[in-house]
Amino acid sequence: MRIISGKYKGRHFDVPRNFKARPTTDFAKENLFNILANNVDFEETIALDLFSGTGSISLELLSRGCKEVTSVEMDSLHFVHLKRCSGVLGDKNWRMVRDDVFRFIRRCSASYDLIFADPPYALKDLKEIPDLILQKEMLNKDGILIFEHGKDYDFSEHPCFFRHIAYGSVNFSFFKKKE
């Protein structure tokens, strides 16, 4: 897994072979961040990475200078990997939370400029996640929720949906709070 751009550009982190998580492909990640670069001032952004897995998105957000990145991951093996990456970088803007994402959302009192959620594609409650986040008021005004999912899901009828992009089997649906 490599960091594409920013202050940590070119850094590689080995993902253990026994990982259950699949990192967002470099191709999809690079294109996603090209879109974000035109819409987000990373240096002013407080970001949340739900279902962090390998930490690929969190690392990219930190590399691009986000003010703060919070990564939420429940799996102990994945969490140890995130801690190891954090130790290598020593970036003080990275906060890690080992918790179930649904429990984290229920208890969360913070709000974010950018929320990225990449649940396992086979997750039973996957379709409910955007509503849980949007109803909880976790997005700041003008904040963006990016939801990664498989091709079997279509969120285009959701009232807060505003964009969809697909790169192979990787789909991103974008949401903003209703005014």
Foldseek 3Di string as FASTA:
>chain_A
DAAPDAPRHGDDADDDPPFPDDDDDPVVVVVVVVVVVVPDDLQDWAEEEEQCQQVRVVVNSVRNHHQAYEYEHADPSSQVNVVVVCVVVVDPRYHYDHDHRLVCLVPDPAATQEYEYEDDQPDPCLVCVVVSNQVSRRYDANGKYKYKYFPVDDCPPPPFWDDWDDDVGIIITMGHHDD
